[in-house]
Amino acid sequence: MQISAVRDAIADAARAVVLPTGIGKLKCTGYVPDAVTTPCFFVGEVEITFDKVMNRKLDELLFTCRVLAGRADDRSSQRIIDALISGSGPASLKQAIEAARGAPGEYALGGLAHDLHLQRVQGYRWFEHAGSTYIGAELIIKVIGDGST
């Protein structure tokens, strides 16, 4: 799997969320941004487990992604995060990202991986990013695919 392409494809999938009226669109990037315009989703760190199957047939990637919202109003910012980390609904990142799994028998992320799964949300807290503080959460996404490509 090509990690850069997978990062970008996860960010593209996240763009499908629909936030409540008046909030604007979710800004999404496959990499940690220098500056954040909220609400923002980005793909951060990656852990790689090589050779889950012999002869480079399967690698496992665990991406730590973050979603951040502004501080203008703590309650409304937390409601935005709540909607984004919900398991379903128009603003659900889980639903949007897992839609990129493709139909049964198809590869995920437009052919870049065998499968992906948003496993869990963790670290719902205040984040420091580029000198500013945001409310946010981390999302852990597991991606499996051919290690020889």
Protein backbone atom coordinates (compact mmCIF):
# COMPACT_ATOMS: atom_id res chain seq x y z
CA MET A 1 0.00 0.00 0.00
CA GLN A 2 1.11 3.51 -0.70
CA ILE A 3 0.71 5.38 2.58
CA SER A 4 0.39 8.84 1.02
CA ALA A 5 -2.40 7.72 -1.29
CA VAL A 6 -4.23 6.01 1.60
CA ARG A 7 -3.97 9.18 3.73
CA ASP A 8 -5.47 11.28 0.94
CA ALA A 9 -8.25 8.75 0.30
CA ILE A 10 -9.25 8.75 3.99
CA ALA A 11 -9.43 12.56 3.92
CA ASP A 12 -11.50 12.43 0.72
CA ALA A 13 -13.93 10.00 2.38
CA ALA A 14 -14.26 12.26 5.43
CA ARG A 15 -15.33 15.17 3.20
CA ALA A 16 -18.67 13.43 2.64
CA VAL A 17 -19.98 14.44 6.09
CA VAL A 18 -22.75 17.02 6.18
CA LEU A 19 -22.59 19.35 9.15
CA PRO A 20 -25.63 21.21 10.51
CA THR A 21 -26.64 24.42 8.74
CA GLY A 22 -24.50 27.42 9.58
CA ILE A 23 -21.36 25.48 10.52
CA GLY A 24 -19.84 25.25 7.06
CA LYS A 25 -17.95 22.36 5.56
CA LEU A 26 -15.50 20.10 7.33
CA LYS A 27 -11.96 20.90 6.19
CA CYS A 28 -10.12 17.62 5.53
CA THR A 29 -6.49 16.82 4.81
CA GLY A 30 -4.41 13.67 4.65
CA TYR A 31 -1.62 15.32 6.63
CA VAL A 32 -1.18 17.32 9.82
CA PRO A 33 -1.79 20.96 8.83
CA ASP A 34 0.46 23.84 9.86
CA ALA A 35 -2.62 25.88 10.76
CA VAL A 36 -6.16 24.75 11.50
CA THR A 37 -9.38 26.21 10.15
CA THR A 38 -12.20 24.63 12.14
CA PRO A 39 -13.96 22.33 11.95
CA CYS A 40 -11.06 20.26 10.70
CA PHE A 41 -10.28 16.57 10.15
CA PHE A 42 -6.77 15.36 9.44
CA VAL A 43 -4.85 12.11 9.23
CA GLY A 44 -2.00 12.14 11.72
CA GLU A 45 0.30 9.39 12.90
CA VAL A 46 0.52 5.94 11.37
CA GLU A 47 1.62 2.64 12.91
CA ILE A 48 2.57 -0.12 10.48
CA THR A 49 2.56 -3.86 11.09
CA PHE A 50 4.28 -5.52 8.16
CA ASP A 51 3.80 -9.11 7.00
CA LYS A 52 0.51 -10.02 8.66
CA VAL A 53 0.55 -12.74 5.97
CA MET A 54 3.74 -14.27 4.57
CA ASN A 55 5.47 -12.99 1.43
CA ARG A 56 4.30 -9.37 1.85
CA LYS A 57 0.69 -10.34 1.14
CA LEU A 58 -0.86 -8.20 3.90
CA ASP A 59 0.17 -5.16 5.95
CA GLU A 60 -1.89 -3.42 8.61
CA LEU A 61 -1.87 0.36 9.05
CA LEU A 62 -3.33 2.08 12.12
CA PHE A 63 -3.94 5.77 11.50
CA THR A 64 -4.57 8.20 14.32
CA CYS A 65 -6.77 10.93 12.89
CA ARG A 66 -7.98 14.05 14.67
CA VAL A 67 -11.08 16.15 14.40
CA LEU A 68 -10.93 19.65 15.90
CA ALA A 69 -13.54 22.33 16.48
CA GLY A 70 -13.16 25.95 17.56
CA ARG A 71 -13.49 27.50 20.96
CA ALA A 72 -15.89 30.35 20.25
CA ASP A 73 -18.54 28.56 22.31
CA ASP A 74 -17.46 25.47 24.24
CA ARG A 75 -20.90 23.86 24.18
CA SER A 76 -21.53 24.34 20.45
CA SER A 77 -17.99 23.15 19.64
CA GLN A 78 -18.55 20.00 21.65
CA ARG A 79 -21.84 19.41 19.87
CA ILE A 80 -20.00 19.59 16.55
CA ILE A 81 -17.48 17.00 17.78
CA ASP A 82 -20.33 14.85 19.15
CA ALA A 83 -22.01 14.81 15.73
CA LEU A 84 -18.74 13.97 13.96
CA ILE A 85 -17.87 11.06 16.26
CA SER A 86 -21.39 9.59 16.30
CA GLY A 87 -21.78 6.14 14.79
CA SER A 88 -24.39 7.27 12.29
CA GLY A 89 -26.07 10.34 10.89
CA PRO A 90 -25.20 12.86 8.19
CA ALA A 91 -22.20 14.25 10.14
CA SER A 92 -20.84 10.83 11.20
CA LEU A 93 -17.20 10.37 10.25
CA LYS A 94 -17.56 6.63 10.88
CA GLN A 95 -20.36 6.38 8.36
CA ALA A 96 -18.59 8.58 5.78
CA ILE A 97 -15.21 6.88 6.05
CA GLU A 98 -16.57 3.34 6.07
CA ALA A 99 -18.63 4.12 2.95
CA ALA A 100 -15.24 4.09 1.22
CA ARG A 101 -15.02 0.34 1.89
CA GLY A 102 -16.77 -0.22 -1.40
CA ALA A 103 -19.38 -2.82 -2.26
CA PRO A 104 -18.93 -6.47 -1.24
CA GLY A 105 -16.04 -7.93 -3.21
CA GLU A 106 -14.55 -4.52 -4.07
CA TYR A 107 -11.37 -3.07 -2.68
CA ALA A 108 -11.58 -0.16 -0.26
CA LEU A 109 -10.50 3.44 -0.84
CA GLY A 110 -10.91 3.20 -4.58
CA GLY A 111 -8.72 0.10 -4.86
CA LEU A 112 -5.88 1.22 -2.56
CA ALA A 113 -6.59 -1.27 0.25
CA HIS A 114 -8.38 -4.52 0.98
CA ASP A 115 -10.49 -3.03 3.77
CA LEU A 116 -10.70 -0.34 6.42
CA HIS A 117 -12.51 0.09 9.70
CA LEU A 118 -12.89 3.06 12.02
CA GLN A 119 -12.21 1.10 15.20
CA ARG A 120 -12.60 3.61 18.00
CA VAL A 121 -12.67 7.20 19.19
CA GLN A 122 -10.33 8.20 21.98
CA GLY A 123 -8.88 11.30 23.58
CA TYR A 124 -11.99 13.50 23.53
CA ARG A 125 -10.26 16.52 25.05
CA TRP A 126 -8.59 19.88 24.48
CA PHE A 127 -5.78 19.77 21.90
CA GLU A 128 -2.93 22.22 21.47
CA HIS A 129 -2.14 22.74 17.79
CA ALA A 130 0.18 25.39 16.37
CA GLY A 131 -0.16 27.55 19.46
CA SER A 132 -3.97 27.43 19.68
CA THR A 133 -6.30 25.25 21.73
CA TYR A 134 -9.21 23.31 20.22
CA ILE A 135 -11.77 20.80 21.47
CA GLY A 136 -11.43 17.55 19.57
CA ALA A 137 -11.08 13.80 19.48
CA GLU A 138 -8.85 11.14 17.95
CA LEU A 139 -10.18 8.47 15.61
CA ILE A 140 -8.30 5.22 15.07
CA ILE A 141 -8.67 3.77 11.59
CA LYS A 142 -7.33 0.34 10.65
CA VAL A 143 -6.48 -0.23 6.99
CA ILE A 144 -5.33 -3.59 5.62
CA GLY A 145 -3.93 -4.26 2.19
CA ASP A 146 -1.30 -5.79 -0.02
CA GLY A 147 2.16 -5.08 1.36
CA SER A 148 3.91 -5.67 -1.94
CA THR A 149 2.38 -2.67 -3.76
